Amino acid sequence: MKKRKMSQAWKNRIWNGSILAAFVAAMAVFVFLLQTEKRVLTEYEKEQVCVVTAAIPRGEKISAENAEQYITVMEIDKRIVPETALKSTEAASGRIAAYGVEQGMVLTTGMLRELSEITEQMREPVIAGFRAEDLYQVVGGVLRAGDRIHIYCVEQEEEEQNGKLLWENVFVQQVFDRNGAAIGGDDGTTPAQRVNIYMEKERVADFYAALAQGSLRVVKAEDTDRQEE
């Protein structure tokens, strides 16, 4: 009887030892997996970049007020980050979309332009505006922010001709509908009733004088900026 009790106690001891050994082995595997995962995560370094979360219309100016509407700063695999990627909303603020930027793209310097790039040939750039109804003619389709236009003066006896070129590659700063609301770049149908442009300050008086005569013809320039990196 005594031998039977000792045998049972020995079996219990062996059983408990087996459980402990299995637990230790499981812990060892768990620690190994954690270390492996840590090494994998270390190999794939992350970097913060600006990612477009809503399509940015061409000509849209990024500002502190609307940056969160279009951009989110997030971490992605460093290996796929473009060299010219923007790393903060502050870096994007004040820049203008050179072309429509699609949702999900990493924002780069080539997608946005500094205002100084647009007005670099002007000594004192200002914003001038005109109403579509004050023009002699608009050619080339609807105008949107970011477009370039050529402005001609058409004399009455030259109605069948393009007229004399006065200003070339003028940058459209913003356009508005008949109610005075800004028209987004994603709206391709609403006619622009008022158009703001960048112009050399010393030429503004000449521009409005020609506009008052109703002799200005606006031609939308071919798109040369829609080039992605």
C-alpha atoms as a PDB file:
ATOM      1  CA  MET A   1       0.000   0.000   0.000  1.00  0.00           C
ATOM      2  CA  LYS A   2       2.845   2.292   0.938  1.00  0.00           C
ATOM      3  CA  LYS A   3       4.603   1.507  -2.346  1.00  0.00           C
ATOM      4  CA  ARG A   4       1.421   2.355  -4.261  1.00  0.00           C
ATOM      5  CA  LYS A   5       1.209   5.794  -2.575  1.00  0.00           C
ATOM      6  CA  MET A   6       4.867   6.507  -3.356  1.00  0.00           C
ATOM      7  CA  SER A   7       4.326   5.476  -6.965  1.00  0.00           C
ATOM      8  CA  GLN A   8       1.346   7.841  -7.272  1.00  0.00           C
ATOM      9  CA  ALA A   9       3.310  10.717  -5.734  1.00  0.00           C
ATOM     10  CA  TRP A  10       6.139  10.073  -8.168  1.00  0.00           C
ATOM     11  CA  LYS A  11       3.730  10.135 -11.099  1.00  0.00           C
ATOM     12  CA  ASN A  12       2.285  13.447  -9.889  1.00  0.00           C
ATOM     13  CA  ARG A  13       5.762  14.889  -9.595  1.00  0.00           C
ATOM     14  CA  ILE A  14       6.605  13.815 -13.142  1.00  0.00           C
ATOM     15  CA  TRP A  15       3.308  15.259 -14.426  1.00  0.00           C
ATOM     16  CA  ASN A  16       3.906  18.597 -12.738  1.00  0.00           C
ATOM     17  CA  GLY A  17       7.411  18.668 -14.112  1.00  0.00           C
ATOM     18  CA  SER A  18       6.128  18.050 -17.617  1.00  0.00           C
ATOM     19  CA  ILE A  19       3.647  20.911 -17.308  1.00  0.00           C
ATOM     20  CA  LEU A  20       6.389  23.231 -16.066  1.00  0.00           C
ATOM     21  CA  ALA A  21       8.690  22.190 -18.902  1.00  0.00           C
ATOM     22  CA  ALA A  22       5.940  22.801 -21.464  1.00  0.00           C
ATOM     23  CA  PHE A  23       5.232  26.226 -19.970  1.00  0.00           C
ATOM     24  CA  VAL A  24       8.922  27.161 -20.068  1.00  0.00           C
ATOM     25  CA  ALA A  25       9.138  25.990 -23.690  1.00  0.00           C
ATOM     26  CA  ALA A  26       6.062  28.031 -24.626  1.00  0.00           C
ATOM     27  CA  MET A  27       7.523  31.124 -22.968  1.00  0.00           C
ATOM     28  CA  ALA A  28      10.774  30.600 -24.849  1.00  0.00           C
ATOM     29  CA  VAL A  29       8.906  30.414 -28.161  1.00  0.00           C
ATOM     30  CA  PHE A  30       6.880  33.538 -27.263  1.00  0.00           C
ATOM     31  CA  VAL A  31      10.028  35.516 -26.416  1.00  0.00           C
ATOM     32  CA  PHE A  32      11.656  34.313 -29.641  1.00  0.00           C
ATOM     33  CA  LEU A  33       8.679  35.494 -31.693  1.00  0.00           C
ATOM     34  CA  LEU A  34       8.702  38.890 -29.979  1.00  0.00           C
ATOM     35  CA  GLN A  35      12.393  39.328 -30.713  1.00  0.00           C
ATOM     36  CA  THR A  36      11.862  38.282 -34.328  1.00  0.00           C
ATOM     37  CA  GLU A  37       9.013  40.780 -34.758  1.00  0.00           C
ATOM     38  CA  LYS A  38      11.147  43.504 -33.211  1.00  0.00           C
ATOM     39  CA  ARG A  39      13.969  42.769 -35.654  1.00  0.00           C
ATOM     40  CA  VAL A  40      11.554  42.857 -38.607  1.00  0.00           C
ATOM     41  CA  LEU A  41      10.099  46.196 -37.510  1.00  0.00           C
ATOM     42  CA  THR A  42      13.592  47.579 -37.049  1.00  0.00           C
ATOM     43  CA  GLU A  43      14.565  46.519 -40.566  1.00  0.00           C
ATOM     44  CA  TYR A  44      11.616  48.455 -42.023  1.00  0.00           C
ATOM     45  CA  GLU A  45      12.219  51.953 -40.692  1.00  0.00           C
ATOM     46  CA  LYS A  46       9.309  54.363 -40.755  1.00  0.00           C
ATOM     47  CA  GLU A  47       9.304  58.006 -41.771  1.00  0.00           C
ATOM     48  CA  GLN A  48       6.696  60.726 -41.415  1.00  0.00           C
ATOM     49  CA  VAL A  49       5.433  62.238 -44.672  1.00  0.00           C
ATOM     50  CA  CYS A  50       2.456  64.218 -45.952  1.00  0.00           C
ATOM     51  CA  VAL A  51      -0.128  61.950 -47.571  1.00  0.00           C
ATOM     52  CA  VAL A  52      -3.015  63.340 -49.635  1.00  0.00           C
ATOM     53  CA  THR A  53      -6.285  62.286 -47.977  1.00  0.00           C
ATOM     54  CA  ALA A  54      -8.573  64.273 -50.304  1.00  0.00           C
ATOM     55  CA  ALA A  55      -7.834  65.153 -53.925  1.00  0.00           C
ATOM     56  CA  ILE A  56      -6.203  68.587 -54.244  1.00  0.00           C
ATOM     57  CA  PRO A  57      -7.604  70.574 -57.189  1.00  0.00           C
ATOM     58  CA  ARG A  58      -5.159  72.211 -59.555  1.00  0.00           C
ATOM     59  CA  GLY A  59      -4.430  75.790 -58.512  1.00  0.00           C
ATOM     60  CA  GLU A  60      -5.530  75.204 -54.903  1.00  0.00           C
ATOM     61  CA  LYS A  61      -3.367  77.059 -52.395  1.00  0.00           C
ATOM     62  CA  ILE A  62      -2.544  75.060 -49.266  1.00  0.00           C
ATOM     63  CA  SER A  63      -2.885  77.124 -46.114  1.00  0.00           C
ATOM     64  CA  ALA A  64      -3.032  76.643 -42.365  1.00  0.00           C
ATOM     65  CA  GLU A  65      -6.821  76.823 -42.671  1.00  0.00           C
ATOM     66  CA  ASN A  66      -7.329  74.093 -45.291  1.00  0.00           C
ATOM     67  CA  ALA A  67      -4.250  71.856 -44.843  1.00  0.00           C
ATOM     68  CA  GLU A  68      -6.121  69.312 -42.702  1.00  0.00           C
ATOM     69  CA  GLN A  69      -8.803  69.086 -45.389  1.00  0.00           C
ATOM     70  CA  TYR A  70      -6.305  67.719 -47.911  1.00  0.00           C
ATOM     71  CA  ILE A  71      -3.265  66.402 -46.027  1.00  0.00           C
ATOM     72  CA  THR A  72      -2.484  63.997 -43.188  1.00  0.00           C
ATOM     73  CA  VAL A  73       0.988  63.391 -41.761  1.00  0.00           C
ATOM     74  CA  MET A  74       1.564  59.658 -41.282  1.00  0.00           C
ATOM     75  CA  GLU A  75       4.363  57.102 -41.023  1.00  0.00           C
ATOM     76  CA  ILE A  76       5.170  54.874 -43.987  1.00  0.00           C
ATOM     77  CA  ASP A  77       8.004  52.528 -44.946  1.00  0.00           C
ATOM     78  CA  LYS A  78      11.092  54.705 -45.363  1.00  0.00           C
ATOM     79  CA  ARG A  79      12.178  52.724 -48.418  1.00  0.00           C
ATOM     80  CA  ILE A  80       9.250  54.027 -50.500  1.00  0.00           C
ATOM     81  CA  VAL A  81       9.494  57.676 -49.432  1.00  0.00           C
ATOM     82  CA  PRO A  82      10.406  59.958 -52.393  1.00  0.00           C
ATOM     83  CA  GLU A  83      13.462  62.165 -51.869  1.00  0.00           C
ATOM     84  CA  THR A  84      11.365  65.290 -52.398  1.00  0.00           C
ATOM     85  CA  ALA A  85       8.536  64.251 -50.051  1.00  0.00           C
ATOM     86  CA  LEU A  86       7.109  66.946 -47.796  1.00  0.00           C
ATOM     87  CA  LYS A  87       7.319  66.004 -44.113  1.00  0.00           C
ATOM     88  CA  SER A  88       4.902  68.463 -42.474  1.00  0.00           C
ATOM     89  CA  THR A  89       1.809  70.528 -43.230  1.00  0.00           C
ATOM     90  CA  GLU A  90       3.893  73.618 -42.486  1.00  0.00           C
ATOM     91  CA  ALA A  91       6.189  72.715 -45.386  1.00  0.00           C
ATOM     92  CA  ALA A  92       3.174  72.519 -47.714  1.00  0.00           C
ATOM     93  CA  SER A  93       1.490  75.676 -46.449  1.00  0.00           C
ATOM     94  CA  GLY A  94       1.622  78.610 -48.836  1.00  0.00           C
ATOM     95  CA  ARG A  95       2.226  76.411 -51.892  1.00  0.00           C
ATOM     96  CA  ILE A  96      -0.092  76.048 -54.891  1.00  0.00           C
ATOM     97  CA  ALA A  97      -1.017  72.755 -56.569  1.00  0.00           C
ATOM     98  CA  ALA A  98       0.690  72.659 -59.974  1.00  0.00           C
ATOM     99  CA  TYR A  99      -1.871  70.084 -61.141  1.00  0.00           C
ATOM    100  CA  GLY A 100      -4.636  67.969 -59.625  1.00  0.00           C
ATOM    101  CA  VAL A 101      -3.117  65.686 -56.989  1.00  0.00           C
ATOM    102  CA  GLU A 102      -4.953  62.414 -56.400  1.00  0.00           C
ATOM    103  CA  GLN A 103      -5.926  60.971 -53.037  1.00  0.00           C
ATOM    104  CA  GLY A 104      -3.432  58.524 -51.513  1.00  0.00           C
ATOM    105  CA  MET A 105      -0.300  60.056 -53.018  1.00  0.00           C
ATOM    106  CA  VAL A 106       2.752  61.099 -51.012  1.00  0.00           C
ATOM    107  CA  LEU A 107       2.991  64.866 -51.421  1.00  0.00           C
ATOM    108  CA  THR A 108       6.239  66.077 -53.017  1.00  0.00           C
ATOM    109  CA  THR A 109       7.707  69.471 -53.798  1.00  0.00           C
ATOM    110  CA  GLY A 110       7.097  68.939 -57.520  1.00  0.00           C
ATOM    111  CA  MET A 111       3.346  68.708 -56.990  1.00  0.00           C
ATOM    112  CA  LEU A 112       3.167  72.122 -55.342  1.00  0.00           C
ATOM    113  CA  ARG A 113       4.660  75.422 -56.439  1.00  0.00           C
ATOM    114  CA  GLU A 114       5.816  78.375 -54.410  1.00  0.00           C
ATOM    115  CA  LEU A 115       4.007  81.621 -55.199  1.00  0.00           C
ATOM    116  CA  SER A 116       7.439  83.132 -55.832  1.00  0.00           C
ATOM    117  CA  GLU A 117       7.926  80.657 -58.713  1.00  0.00           C
ATOM    118  CA  ILE A 118       4.747  81.927 -60.360  1.00  0.00           C
ATOM    119  CA  THR A 119       5.563  85.604 -59.913  1.00  0.00           C
ATOM    120  CA  GLU A 120       9.374  85.369 -60.143  1.00  0.00           C
ATOM    121  CA  GLN A 121       9.528  87.601 -63.231  1.00  0.00           C
ATOM    122  CA  MET A 122       7.424  90.322 -61.608  1.00  0.00           C
ATOM    123  CA  ARG A 123       8.950  93.138 -59.585  1.00  0.00           C
ATOM    124  CA  GLU A 124       5.751  93.885 -57.667  1.00  0.00           C
ATOM    125  CA  PRO A 125       3.000  91.312 -58.299  1.00  0.00           C
ATOM    126  CA  VAL A 126      -0.572  92.173 -57.346  1.00  0.00           C
ATOM    127  CA  ILE A 127      -3.954  90.541 -57.884  1.00  0.00           C
ATOM    128  CA  ALA A 128      -6.185  92.113 -60.522  1.00  0.00           C
ATOM    129  CA  GLY A 129      -9.667  90.944 -61.432  1.00  0.00           C
ATOM    130  CA  PHE A 130     -12.170  91.085 -64.237  1.00  0.00           C
ATOM    131  CA  ARG A 131     -15.724  89.996 -64.979  1.00  0.00           C
ATOM    132  CA  ALA A 132     -16.339  87.680 -67.894  1.00  0.00           C
ATOM    133  CA  GLU A 133     -19.059  90.012 -69.193  1.00  0.00           C
ATOM    134  CA  ASP A 134     -16.509  92.834 -69.549  1.00  0.00           C
ATOM    135  CA  LEU A 135     -14.392  90.857 -72.007  1.00  0.00           C
ATOM    136  CA  TYR A 136     -14.682  90.880 -75.766  1.00  0.00           C
ATOM    137  CA  GLN A 137     -14.301  87.085 -75.831  1.00  0.00           C
ATOM    138  CA  VAL A 138     -13.060  84.065 -73.864  1.00  0.00           C
ATOM    139  CA  VAL A 139     -11.553  81.185 -75.849  1.00  0.00           C
ATOM    140  CA  GLY A 140     -10.355  77.734 -74.802  1.00  0.00           C
ATOM    141  CA  GLY A 141     -12.930  76.519 -72.282  1.00  0.00           C
ATOM    142  CA  VAL A 142     -13.781  77.207 -68.648  1.00  0.00           C
ATOM    143  CA  LEU A 143     -11.139  78.920 -66.534  1.00  0.00           C
ATOM    144  CA  ARG A 144      -9.960  77.595 -63.192  1.00  0.00           C
ATOM    145  CA  ALA A 145      -7.374  78.563 -60.590  1.00  0.00           C
ATOM    146  CA  GLY A 146      -3.950  77.478 -61.792  1.00  0.00           C
ATOM    147  CA  ASP A 147      -4.706  78.048 -65.477  1.00  0.00           C
ATOM    148  CA  ARG A 148      -2.581  80.296 -67.673  1.00  0.00           C
ATOM    149  CA  ILE A 149      -4.149  82.761 -70.087  1.00  0.00           C
ATOM    150  CA  HIS A 150      -3.020  85.027 -72.916  1.00  0.00           C
ATOM    151  CA  ILE A 151      -4.685  88.436 -73.093  1.00  0.00           C
ATOM    152  CA  TYR A 152      -5.151  90.156 -76.453  1.00  0.00           C
ATOM    153  CA  CYS A 153      -6.543  93.532 -77.449  1.00  0.00           C
ATOM    154  CA  VAL A 154      -8.950  93.292 -80.380  1.00  0.00           C
ATOM    155  CA  GLU A 155      -9.672  96.447 -82.360  1.00  0.00           C
ATOM    156  CA  GLN A 156     -13.092  96.765 -83.980  1.00  0.00           C
ATOM    157  CA  GLU A 157     -11.670  96.468 -87.478  1.00  0.00           C
ATOM    158  CA  GLU A 158      -9.864  93.255 -86.465  1.00  0.00           C
ATOM    159  CA  GLU A 159     -12.857  91.298 -85.244  1.00  0.00           C
ATOM    160  CA  GLU A 160     -11.936  88.227 -87.255  1.00  0.00           C
ATOM    161  CA  GLN A 161      -8.363  88.180 -85.943  1.00  0.00           C
ATOM    162  CA  ASN A 162      -6.796  87.268 -82.622  1.00  0.00           C
ATOM    163  CA  GLY A 163      -5.782  90.832 -81.930  1.00  0.00           C
ATOM    164  CA  LYS A 164      -2.572  92.193 -80.415  1.00  0.00           C
ATOM    165  CA  LEU A 165      -0.979  90.172 -77.632  1.00  0.00           C
ATOM    166  CA  LEU A 166      -0.667  92.319 -74.505  1.00  0.00           C
ATOM    167  CA  TRP A 167       0.062  89.803 -71.734  1.00  0.00           C
ATOM    168  CA  GLU A 168       1.259  86.231 -72.069  1.00  0.00           C
ATOM    169  CA  ASN A 169       1.000  83.250 -69.674  1.00  0.00           C
ATOM    170  CA  VAL A 170      -0.880  85.185 -67.017  1.00  0.00           C
ATOM    171  CA  PHE A 171      -1.552  83.001 -63.959  1.00  0.00           C
ATOM    172  CA  VAL A 172      -5.165  82.653 -62.797  1.00  0.00           C
ATOM    173  CA  GLN A 173      -5.244  83.030 -59.012  1.00  0.00           C
ATOM    174  CA  GLN A 174      -8.923  82.225 -58.407  1.00  0.00           C
ATOM    175  CA  VAL A 175     -12.279  82.132 -60.164  1.00  0.00           C
ATOM    176  CA  PHE A 176     -15.794  82.764 -58.854  1.00  0.00           C
ATOM    177  CA  ASP A 177     -19.358  81.980 -59.903  1.00  0.00           C
ATOM    178  CA  ARG A 178     -22.192  84.484 -60.347  1.00  0.00           C
ATOM    179  CA  ASN A 179     -22.874  84.414 -56.585  1.00  0.00           C
ATOM    180  CA  GLY A 180     -19.283  85.274 -55.700  1.00  0.00           C
ATOM    181  CA  ALA A 181     -18.393  81.779 -54.461  1.00  0.00           C
ATOM    182  CA  ALA A 182     -15.004  80.343 -55.384  1.00  0.00           C
ATOM    183  CA  ILE A 183     -15.190  77.542 -57.961  1.00  0.00           C
ATOM    184  CA  GLY A 184     -13.158  74.452 -57.123  1.00  0.00           C
ATOM    185  CA  GLY A 185     -10.841  72.779 -59.587  1.00  0.00           C
ATOM    186  CA  ASP A 186     -12.957  69.620 -59.492  1.00  0.00           C
ATOM    187  CA  ASP A 187     -15.887  71.526 -61.041  1.00  0.00           C
ATOM    188  CA  GLY A 188     -15.360  71.401 -64.774  1.00  0.00           C
ATOM    189  CA  THR A 189     -18.627  72.936 -65.926  1.00  0.00           C
ATOM    190  CA  THR A 190     -19.569  76.066 -63.954  1.00  0.00           C
ATOM    191  CA  PRO A 191     -18.619  79.165 -65.975  1.00  0.00           C
ATOM    192  CA  ALA A 192     -16.303  81.598 -64.210  1.00  0.00           C
ATOM    193  CA  GLN A 193     -18.065  84.944 -63.877  1.00  0.00           C
ATOM    194  CA  ARG A 194     -15.175  86.703 -62.154  1.00  0.00           C
ATOM    195  CA  VAL A 195     -11.487  85.910 -62.562  1.00  0.00           C
ATOM    196  CA  ASN A 196      -8.543  87.028 -60.431  1.00  0.00           C
ATOM    197  CA  ILE A 197      -5.071  87.063 -61.972  1.00  0.00           C
ATOM    198  CA  TYR A 198      -1.513  87.949 -60.950  1.00  0.00           C
ATOM    199  CA  MET A 199      -0.206  91.032 -62.724  1.00  0.00           C
ATOM    200  CA  GLU A 200       2.667  93.494 -62.499  1.00  0.00           C
ATOM    201  CA  LYS A 201       1.470  96.460 -60.447  1.00  0.00           C
ATOM    202  CA  GLU A 202       2.666  99.051 -62.961  1.00  0.00           C
ATOM    203  CA  ARG A 203       0.561  97.409 -65.704  1.00  0.00           C
ATOM    204  CA  VAL A 204      -2.718  97.273 -63.769  1.00  0.00           C
ATOM    205  CA  ALA A 205      -3.889 100.726 -64.899  1.00  0.00           C
ATOM    206  CA  ASP A 206      -3.315  99.790 -68.551  1.00  0.00           C
ATOM    207  CA  PHE A 207      -5.181  96.534 -68.019  1.00  0.00           C
ATOM    208  CA  TYR A 208      -8.284  98.195 -66.579  1.00  0.00           C
ATOM    209  CA  ALA A 209      -8.244 100.894 -69.265  1.00  0.00           C
ATOM    210  CA  ALA A 210      -8.322  98.227 -71.987  1.00  0.00           C
ATOM    211  CA  LEU A 211     -10.938  96.271 -70.052  1.00  0.00           C
ATOM    212  CA  ALA A 212     -13.198  99.334 -69.886  1.00  0.00           C
ATOM    213  CA  GLN A 213     -13.143  99.525 -73.683  1.00  0.00           C
ATOM    214  CA  GLY A 214     -14.458  95.971 -73.949  1.00  0.00           C
ATOM    215  CA  SER A 215     -11.633  95.021 -76.299  1.00  0.00           C
ATOM    216  CA  LEU A 216      -9.836  92.303 -74.328  1.00  0.00           C
ATOM    217  CA  ARG A 217      -9.829  88.765 -75.635  1.00  0.00           C
ATOM    218  CA  VAL A 218      -8.745  86.010 -73.223  1.00  0.00           C
ATOM    219  CA  VAL A 219      -7.333  82.755 -74.574  1.00  0.00           C
ATOM    220  CA  LYS A 220      -6.732  79.809 -72.265  1.00  0.00           C
ATOM    221  CA  ALA A 221      -3.151  78.599 -72.697  1.00  0.00           C
ATOM    222  CA  GLU A 222      -2.253  74.971 -73.269  1.00  0.00           C
ATOM    223  CA  ASP A 223      -1.588  73.043 -70.072  1.00  0.00           C
ATOM    224  CA  THR A 224       2.176  72.684 -69.589  1.00  0.00           C
ATOM    225  CA  ASP A 225       2.240  72.199 -65.826  1.00  0.00           C
ATOM    226  CA  ARG A 226       0.463  68.875 -65.514  1.00  0.00           C
ATOM    227  CA  GLN A 227       3.628  66.831 -65.169  1.00  0.00           C
ATOM    228  CA  GLU A 228       4.026  64.447 -62.276  1.00  0.00           C
ATOM    229  CA  GLU A 229       7.332  63.383 -60.754  1.00  0.00           C
END
